[in-house]
Structures are given as C-alpha cells and as structure tokens.
C-alpha cells in the first residue's frame, strides 16, 4: 500500500495560503523571534560544550600521561 501524499500537499498548500495572508511586517517579526530562539539554543549548546571540555579547569596532562622528563 502506497503512502498517500495528497493529504500532506493539501495541508502544505493551506499553510502557505495562511502564511501569504499574514502582513509582510508580521512575517519579519515572526522570523526575527524564530531567529532569536534558534540563536539562544545554539549559544546555550555552545556554552554547554565549553563548560564541559574547555572551561572545566582540568589539567590536560591528566589525560595524556606525559613523563616529566620529556617536557624539557
């Protein structure tokens, strides 16, 4: 049995009709809010990575076991 894509196309067409009815200024405002939301989440993820791996303050030598004689 094949998947019926006409339902998806009808829903997409209806959504595009509603979106076209929204004034251009409101579209830009919604796009700005969406961009701020995505940027906030991306920066939050970057902060998580930095806190886990870079800003944790763990000495890197603990991970590599470099003999002290080879450091000079």
N, C-alpha and C. Protein backbone atom coordinates (compact mmCIF):
# COMPACT_ATOMS: atom_id res chain seq x y z
N UNK A 1 0.84 -1.18 0.00
CA UNK A 1 0.00 0.00 0.00
C UNK A 1 0.89 1.24 0.00
N UNK A 2 0.68 2.11 -0.94
CA UNK A 2 1.50 3.32 -1.08
C UNK A 2 1.00 4.40 -0.12
N UNK A 3 1.92 5.25 0.25
CA UNK A 3 1.58 6.36 1.14
C UNK A 3 0.90 7.45 0.34
N UNK A 4 -0.19 7.96 0.85
CA UNK A 4 -0.96 9.00 0.16
C UNK A 4 -0.40 10.37 0.52
N UNK A 5 0.29 10.99 -0.44
CA UNK A 5 0.92 12.28 -0.19
C UNK A 5 -0.02 13.45 -0.42
N UNK A 6 -1.20 13.20 -0.95
CA UNK A 6 -2.10 14.31 -1.26
C UNK A 6 -2.55 15.03 0.01
N UNK A 7 -2.65 14.30 1.12
CA UNK A 7 -3.05 14.94 2.38
C UNK A 7 -1.98 15.92 2.83
N UNK A 8 -0.73 15.53 2.67
CA UNK A 8 0.39 16.41 3.06
C UNK A 8 0.43 17.62 2.15
N UNK A 9 0.24 17.42 0.86
CA UNK A 9 0.25 18.54 -0.08
C UNK A 9 -0.89 19.50 0.19
N UNK A 10 -2.06 18.99 0.51
CA UNK A 10 -3.19 19.86 0.83
C UNK A 10 -2.92 20.68 2.08
N UNK A 11 -2.34 20.04 3.10
CA UNK A 11 -2.03 20.76 4.35
C UNK A 11 -0.96 21.82 4.10
N UNK A 12 0.04 21.48 3.28
CA UNK A 12 1.09 22.45 2.97
C UNK A 12 0.53 23.63 2.18
N UNK A 13 -0.33 23.35 1.22
CA UNK A 13 -0.95 24.43 0.44
C UNK A 13 -1.80 25.33 1.33
N UNK A 14 -2.54 24.74 2.25
CA UNK A 14 -3.38 25.54 3.15
C UNK A 14 -2.50 26.40 4.07
N UNK A 15 -1.39 25.83 4.57
CA UNK A 15 -0.48 26.59 5.43
C UNK A 15 0.14 27.74 4.66
N UNK A 16 0.50 27.52 3.40
CA UNK A 16 1.07 28.61 2.59
C UNK A 16 0.03 29.69 2.30
N UNK A 17 -1.22 29.31 2.15
CA UNK A 17 -2.28 30.31 1.97
C UNK A 17 -2.42 31.18 3.22
N UNK A 18 -2.39 30.54 4.39
CA UNK A 18 -2.48 31.32 5.64
C UNK A 18 -1.26 32.22 5.80
N UNK A 19 -0.09 31.71 5.44
CA UNK A 19 1.14 32.49 5.59
C UNK A 19 1.13 33.69 4.65
N UNK A 20 0.59 33.52 3.45
CA UNK A 20 0.52 34.62 2.49
C UNK A 20 -0.44 35.70 2.97
N UNK A 21 -1.41 35.33 3.81
CA UNK A 21 -2.37 36.32 4.31
C UNK A 21 -1.80 37.16 5.44
N UNK A 22 -0.67 36.73 6.02
CA UNK A 22 -0.05 37.48 7.11
C UNK A 22 0.72 38.65 6.50
N UNK A 23 0.58 39.86 7.05
CA UNK A 23 1.30 41.03 6.51
C UNK A 23 2.82 40.83 6.56
N UNK A 24 3.51 41.50 5.62
CA UNK A 24 4.96 41.34 5.49
C UNK A 24 5.69 41.72 6.78
N UNK A 25 5.26 42.78 7.44
CA UNK A 25 5.91 43.19 8.69
C UNK A 25 5.78 42.14 9.79
N UNK A 26 4.62 41.53 9.86
CA UNK A 26 4.42 40.47 10.86
C UNK A 26 5.25 39.24 10.52
N UNK A 27 5.43 38.95 9.23
CA UNK A 27 6.29 37.84 8.83
C UNK A 27 7.72 38.07 9.28
N UNK A 28 8.20 39.30 9.08
CA UNK A 28 9.56 39.64 9.51
C UNK A 28 9.70 39.56 11.03
N UNK A 29 8.66 39.99 11.74
CA UNK A 29 8.70 39.93 13.20
C UNK A 29 8.74 38.48 13.67
N UNK A 30 7.93 37.62 13.07
CA UNK A 30 7.95 36.21 13.44
C UNK A 30 9.28 35.55 13.08
N UNK A 31 9.85 35.93 11.94
CA UNK A 31 11.16 35.40 11.55
C UNK A 31 12.23 35.85 12.54
N UNK A 32 12.14 37.09 13.01
CA UNK A 32 13.10 37.58 14.00
C UNK A 32 12.99 36.85 15.32
N UNK A 33 11.77 36.60 15.76
CA UNK A 33 11.57 35.85 17.01
C UNK A 33 12.12 34.43 16.86
N UNK A 34 11.87 33.82 15.72
CA UNK A 34 12.39 32.48 15.48
C UNK A 34 13.91 32.45 15.44
N UNK A 35 14.51 33.46 14.82
CA UNK A 35 15.97 33.53 14.75
C UNK A 35 16.57 33.72 16.14
N UNK A 36 15.95 34.55 16.96
CA UNK A 36 16.44 34.73 18.32
C UNK A 36 16.33 33.45 19.13
N UNK A 37 15.26 32.71 18.95
CA UNK A 37 15.07 31.45 19.65
C UNK A 37 16.15 30.44 19.26
N UNK A 38 16.39 30.31 17.97
CA UNK A 38 17.40 29.36 17.49
C UNK A 38 18.78 29.79 17.96
N UNK A 39 19.09 31.08 17.89
CA UNK A 39 20.40 31.57 18.33
C UNK A 39 20.60 31.33 19.82
N UNK A 40 19.56 31.52 20.61
CA UNK A 40 19.68 31.28 22.04
C UNK A 40 19.98 29.83 22.34
N UNK A 41 19.28 28.93 21.65
CA UNK A 41 19.51 27.49 21.86
C UNK A 41 20.91 27.09 21.38
N UNK A 42 21.38 27.64 20.26
CA UNK A 42 22.71 27.31 19.74
C UNK A 42 23.79 27.80 20.69
N UNK A 43 23.63 29.02 21.21
CA UNK A 43 24.61 29.55 22.15
C UNK A 43 24.59 28.80 23.48
N UNK A 44 23.42 28.34 23.88
CA UNK A 44 23.32 27.54 25.10
C UNK A 44 24.06 26.22 24.92
N UNK A 45 23.93 25.60 23.75
CA UNK A 45 24.65 24.36 23.47
C UNK A 45 26.15 24.60 23.42
N UNK A 46 26.57 25.72 22.82
CA UNK A 46 27.99 26.07 22.78
C UNK A 46 28.53 26.28 24.19
N UNK A 47 27.76 26.94 25.04
CA UNK A 47 28.18 27.14 26.43
C UNK A 47 28.31 25.81 27.15
N UNK A 48 27.41 24.88 26.89
CA UNK A 48 27.50 23.55 27.49
C UNK A 48 28.79 22.86 27.07
N UNK A 49 29.12 22.91 25.79
CA UNK A 49 30.35 22.28 25.31
C UNK A 49 31.58 22.94 25.93
N UNK A 50 31.57 24.26 26.00
CA UNK A 50 32.71 24.96 26.59
C UNK A 50 32.86 24.62 28.07
N UNK A 51 31.76 24.57 28.79
CA UNK A 51 31.82 24.25 30.21
C UNK A 51 32.31 22.82 30.45
N UNK A 52 31.92 21.91 29.57
CA UNK A 52 32.30 20.51 29.77
C UNK A 52 33.76 20.25 29.41
N UNK A 53 34.25 20.84 28.33
CA UNK A 53 35.53 20.43 27.80
C UNK A 53 36.63 21.48 27.92
N UNK A 54 36.32 22.75 27.89
CA UNK A 54 37.37 23.76 27.85
C UNK A 54 37.48 24.53 29.16
N UNK A 55 36.36 24.93 29.71
CA UNK A 55 36.39 25.78 30.90
C UNK A 55 36.31 25.01 32.20
N UNK A 56 36.42 23.68 32.13
CA UNK A 56 36.27 22.88 33.34
C UNK A 56 37.46 23.04 34.28
N UNK A 57 38.60 23.46 33.77
CA UNK A 57 39.76 23.68 34.62
C UNK A 57 40.57 22.43 34.89
N UNK A 58 40.28 21.34 34.22
CA UNK A 58 41.03 20.11 34.42
C UNK A 58 42.36 20.21 33.68
N UNK A 59 43.41 19.80 34.34
CA UNK A 59 44.72 19.84 33.74
C UNK A 59 44.78 18.82 32.61
N UNK A 60 45.24 19.26 31.44
CA UNK A 60 45.27 18.40 30.27
C UNK A 60 46.26 17.27 30.44
N UNK A 61 47.28 17.46 31.23
CA UNK A 61 48.29 16.41 31.43
C UNK A 61 47.69 15.17 32.07
N UNK A 62 46.57 15.30 32.76
CA UNK A 62 45.93 14.13 33.35
C UNK A 62 45.42 13.16 32.29
N UNK A 63 45.14 13.67 31.10
CA UNK A 63 44.59 12.83 30.06
C UNK A 63 45.66 12.15 29.21
N UNK A 64 46.90 12.66 29.21
CA UNK A 64 47.92 12.16 28.30
C UNK A 64 49.06 11.40 28.98
N UNK A 65 49.24 11.52 30.26
CA UNK A 65 50.29 10.84 31.00
C UNK A 65 51.68 11.06 30.38
N UNK A 66 52.05 12.32 30.20
CA UNK A 66 53.36 12.66 29.65
C UNK A 66 54.38 12.57 30.78
N UNK A 67 55.47 11.80 30.57
CA UNK A 67 56.51 11.73 31.61
C UNK A 67 57.16 13.09 31.81
N UNK A 68 57.46 13.47 33.05
CA UNK A 68 58.03 14.80 33.29
C UNK A 68 59.37 15.02 32.59
N UNK A 69 60.15 13.97 32.34
CA UNK A 69 61.45 14.15 31.70
C UNK A 69 61.32 14.57 30.24
N UNK A 70 60.22 14.25 29.57
CA UNK A 70 60.07 14.60 28.17
C UNK A 70 59.54 16.02 27.96
N UNK A 71 59.21 16.71 29.04
CA UNK A 71 58.68 18.05 28.91
C UNK A 71 59.78 19.09 28.68
N UNK A 72 61.03 18.75 28.95
CA UNK A 72 62.11 19.75 28.83
C UNK A 72 62.92 19.56 27.59
